[in-house]
């Protein structure tokens, strides 16, 4: 499962409403590069395949293609301000070789 933090969900819902896409699910995709890093993509899905997996987190419907599933399983998406005045989405993914858990966070188990 992919987990959205309340901040990420609020930003996604706000963007969906502003873009007149409130009824569309959010597609989350991931691709492993040749160097082992994972690249992520997100966007509102006006189309989805019957094989896509669909689930909800914090009131947001998410869809994931089977090809991305193993790369995003257990991931958390947050919306934070890493630099003053520049909020951004971050992907906290234990499947990513460069993942470092945030300080003070306890490991959690997620199921899809």
C-alpha atoms as a PDB file:
ATOM      1  CA  UNK A   1       0.000   0.000   0.000  1.00  0.00           C
ATOM      2  CA  UNK A   2       1.005   3.596  -0.542  1.00  0.00           C
ATOM      3  CA  UNK A   3       0.292   5.872   2.376  1.00  0.00           C
ATOM      4  CA  UNK A   4      -0.367   9.578   2.018  1.00  0.00           C
ATOM      5  CA  UNK A   5       0.324  11.884   4.910  1.00  0.00           C
ATOM      6  CA  UNK A   6      -2.490  14.297   5.758  1.00  0.00           C
ATOM      7  CA  UNK A   7      -0.386  17.139   4.271  1.00  0.00           C
ATOM      8  CA  UNK A   8       0.112  15.264   0.989  1.00  0.00           C
ATOM      9  CA  UNK A   9      -3.566  14.335   0.768  1.00  0.00           C
ATOM     10  CA  UNK A  10      -4.646  17.923   1.429  1.00  0.00           C
ATOM     11  CA  UNK A  11      -2.382  19.226  -1.341  1.00  0.00           C
ATOM     12  CA  UNK A  12      -3.541  16.549  -3.803  1.00  0.00           C
ATOM     13  CA  UNK A  13      -7.210  17.245  -3.063  1.00  0.00           C
ATOM     14  CA  UNK A  14      -6.613  20.990  -3.390  1.00  0.00           C
ATOM     15  CA  UNK A  15      -4.854  20.537  -6.754  1.00  0.00           C
ATOM     16  CA  UNK A  16      -7.612  18.237  -7.996  1.00  0.00           C
ATOM     17  CA  UNK A  17     -10.295  20.763  -7.082  1.00  0.00           C
ATOM     18  CA  UNK A  18      -8.395  23.687  -8.643  1.00  0.00           C
ATOM     19  CA  UNK A  19      -7.853  21.721 -11.862  1.00  0.00           C
ATOM     20  CA  UNK A  20     -11.454  20.486 -12.071  1.00  0.00           C
ATOM     21  CA  UNK A  21     -10.194  16.924 -11.614  1.00  0.00           C
ATOM     22  CA  UNK A  22     -11.781  16.164  -8.244  1.00  0.00           C
ATOM     23  CA  UNK A  23     -13.409  12.989  -9.577  1.00  0.00           C
ATOM     24  CA  UNK A  24     -10.172  11.531 -10.992  1.00  0.00           C
ATOM     25  CA  UNK A  25      -7.864   9.156  -9.129  1.00  0.00           C
ATOM     26  CA  UNK A  26      -4.196   9.942  -8.660  1.00  0.00           C
ATOM     27  CA  UNK A  27      -1.862   7.673 -10.616  1.00  0.00           C
ATOM     28  CA  UNK A  28       1.436   6.894  -8.899  1.00  0.00           C
ATOM     29  CA  UNK A  29       4.169   5.360 -11.029  1.00  0.00           C
ATOM     30  CA  UNK A  30       7.741   4.301 -10.422  1.00  0.00           C
ATOM     31  CA  UNK A  31      10.580   3.122 -12.624  1.00  0.00           C
ATOM     32  CA  UNK A  32      13.932   1.685 -11.569  1.00  0.00           C
ATOM     33  CA  UNK A  33      16.808   3.238 -13.473  1.00  0.00           C
ATOM     34  CA  UNK A  34      19.961   1.368 -14.540  1.00  0.00           C
ATOM     35  CA  UNK A  35      21.847   2.817 -11.547  1.00  0.00           C
ATOM     36  CA  UNK A  36      19.258   1.357  -9.137  1.00  0.00           C
ATOM     37  CA  UNK A  37      17.589   4.665  -8.285  1.00  0.00           C
ATOM     38  CA  UNK A  38      13.819   4.921  -8.534  1.00  0.00           C
ATOM     39  CA  UNK A  39      12.114   7.732 -10.433  1.00  0.00           C
ATOM     40  CA  UNK A  40       8.545   8.632  -9.486  1.00  0.00           C
ATOM     41  CA  UNK A  41       5.633  10.191 -11.278  1.00  0.00           C
ATOM     42  CA  UNK A  42       2.195  11.339 -10.179  1.00  0.00           C
ATOM     43  CA  UNK A  43      -0.738  12.712 -12.091  1.00  0.00           C
ATOM     44  CA  UNK A  44      -4.488  12.596 -12.233  1.00  0.00           C
ATOM     45  CA  UNK A  45      -5.590   9.584 -14.249  1.00  0.00           C
ATOM     46  CA  UNK A  46      -8.344  10.181 -16.754  1.00  0.00           C
ATOM     47  CA  UNK A  47      -7.727   6.645 -18.019  1.00  0.00           C
ATOM     48  CA  UNK A  48      -6.783   3.454 -16.254  1.00  0.00           C
ATOM     49  CA  UNK A  49      -6.283  -0.137 -17.205  1.00  0.00           C
ATOM     50  CA  UNK A  50      -8.383  -2.967 -15.797  1.00  0.00           C
ATOM     51  CA  UNK A  51      -5.181  -4.417 -14.300  1.00  0.00           C
ATOM     52  CA  UNK A  52      -4.425  -1.251 -12.316  1.00  0.00           C
ATOM     53  CA  UNK A  53      -4.647  -1.600  -8.574  1.00  0.00           C
ATOM     54  CA  UNK A  54      -6.824   0.967  -6.852  1.00  0.00           C
ATOM     55  CA  UNK A  55      -6.968   1.906  -3.173  1.00  0.00           C
ATOM     56  CA  UNK A  56      -7.606   4.872  -0.896  1.00  0.00           C
ATOM     57  CA  UNK A  57      -5.430   6.794   1.520  1.00  0.00           C
ATOM     58  CA  UNK A  58      -6.553   9.855   3.446  1.00  0.00           C
ATOM     59  CA  UNK A  59      -9.583  10.296   1.163  1.00  0.00           C
ATOM     60  CA  UNK A  60      -7.586  10.127  -2.080  1.00  0.00           C
ATOM     61  CA  UNK A  61      -8.115   7.320  -4.590  1.00  0.00           C
ATOM     62  CA  UNK A  62      -4.780   6.074  -5.910  1.00  0.00           C
ATOM     63  CA  UNK A  63      -4.125   3.846  -8.915  1.00  0.00           C
ATOM     64  CA  UNK A  64      -0.924   1.934  -9.595  1.00  0.00           C
ATOM     65  CA  UNK A  65      -0.006  -0.161 -12.626  1.00  0.00           C
ATOM     66  CA  UNK A  66       1.169  -3.692 -11.804  1.00  0.00           C
ATOM     67  CA  UNK A  67       4.614  -2.895 -13.253  1.00  0.00           C
ATOM     68  CA  UNK A  68       5.139  -0.244 -10.540  1.00  0.00           C
ATOM     69  CA  UNK A  69       3.662  -2.171  -7.626  1.00  0.00           C
ATOM     70  CA  UNK A  70       6.811  -3.774  -6.213  1.00  0.00           C
ATOM     71  CA  UNK A  71       8.648  -0.448  -6.403  1.00  0.00           C
ATOM     72  CA  UNK A  72       6.033   1.520  -4.446  1.00  0.00           C
ATOM     73  CA  UNK A  73       4.794  -1.074  -1.965  1.00  0.00           C
ATOM     74  CA  UNK A  74       5.114   0.342   1.548  1.00  0.00           C
ATOM     75  CA  UNK A  75       5.922   3.865   0.350  1.00  0.00           C
ATOM     76  CA  UNK A  76       4.718   7.043   2.044  1.00  0.00           C
ATOM     77  CA  UNK A  77       4.173  10.256   0.115  1.00  0.00           C
ATOM     78  CA  UNK A  78       4.506  13.478   2.086  1.00  0.00           C
ATOM     79  CA  UNK A  79       4.245  17.167   1.218  1.00  0.00           C
ATOM     80  CA  UNK A  80       6.922  19.144   3.016  1.00  0.00           C
ATOM     81  CA  UNK A  81       8.872  22.352   2.860  1.00  0.00           C
ATOM     82  CA  UNK A  82      12.518  21.233   2.573  1.00  0.00           C
ATOM     83  CA  UNK A  83      13.564  24.731   1.540  1.00  0.00           C
ATOM     84  CA  UNK A  84      11.832  27.813   2.889  1.00  0.00           C
ATOM     85  CA  UNK A  85       8.986  28.813   0.593  1.00  0.00           C
ATOM     86  CA  UNK A  86       9.354  25.752  -1.661  1.00  0.00           C
ATOM     87  CA  UNK A  87       6.961  22.954  -0.613  1.00  0.00           C
ATOM     88  CA  UNK A  88       7.283  19.699  -2.539  1.00  0.00           C
ATOM     89  CA  UNK A  89       6.163  16.085  -2.545  1.00  0.00           C
ATOM     90  CA  UNK A  90       8.680  13.587  -1.213  1.00  0.00           C
ATOM     91  CA  UNK A  91       8.640   9.813  -1.565  1.00  0.00           C
ATOM     92  CA  UNK A  92       9.665   7.875   1.541  1.00  0.00           C
ATOM     93  CA  UNK A  93      10.256   4.483   0.012  1.00  0.00           C
ATOM     94  CA  UNK A  94      11.967   1.559   1.754  1.00  0.00           C
ATOM     95  CA  UNK A  95      12.399  -0.076  -1.700  1.00  0.00           C
ATOM     96  CA  UNK A  96      14.666   2.765  -2.852  1.00  0.00           C
ATOM     97  CA  UNK A  97      18.398   2.070  -2.333  1.00  0.00           C
ATOM     98  CA  UNK A  98      18.896   5.699  -1.232  1.00  0.00           C
ATOM     99  CA  UNK A  99      16.065   5.668   1.316  1.00  0.00           C
ATOM    100  CA  UNK A 100      16.919   6.897   4.786  1.00  0.00           C
ATOM    101  CA  UNK A 101      14.066   6.737   7.316  1.00  0.00           C
ATOM    102  CA  UNK A 102      13.246  10.071   8.952  1.00  0.00           C
ATOM    103  CA  UNK A 103      14.759  10.468  12.402  1.00  0.00           C
ATOM    104  CA  UNK A 104      12.500   9.265  15.163  1.00  0.00           C
ATOM    105  CA  UNK A 105      10.289   7.195  12.898  1.00  0.00           C
ATOM    106  CA  UNK A 106       9.511   3.637  13.833  1.00  0.00           C
ATOM    107  CA  UNK A 107       9.326   1.039  11.084  1.00  0.00           C
ATOM    108  CA  UNK A 108       5.782   0.200  10.090  1.00  0.00           C
ATOM    109  CA  UNK A 109       4.361  -2.657   8.111  1.00  0.00           C
ATOM    110  CA  UNK A 110       2.170  -1.894   5.116  1.00  0.00           C
ATOM    111  CA  UNK A 111       0.109  -4.314   3.081  1.00  0.00           C
ATOM    112  CA  UNK A 112      -1.370  -3.896  -0.354  1.00  0.00           C
END
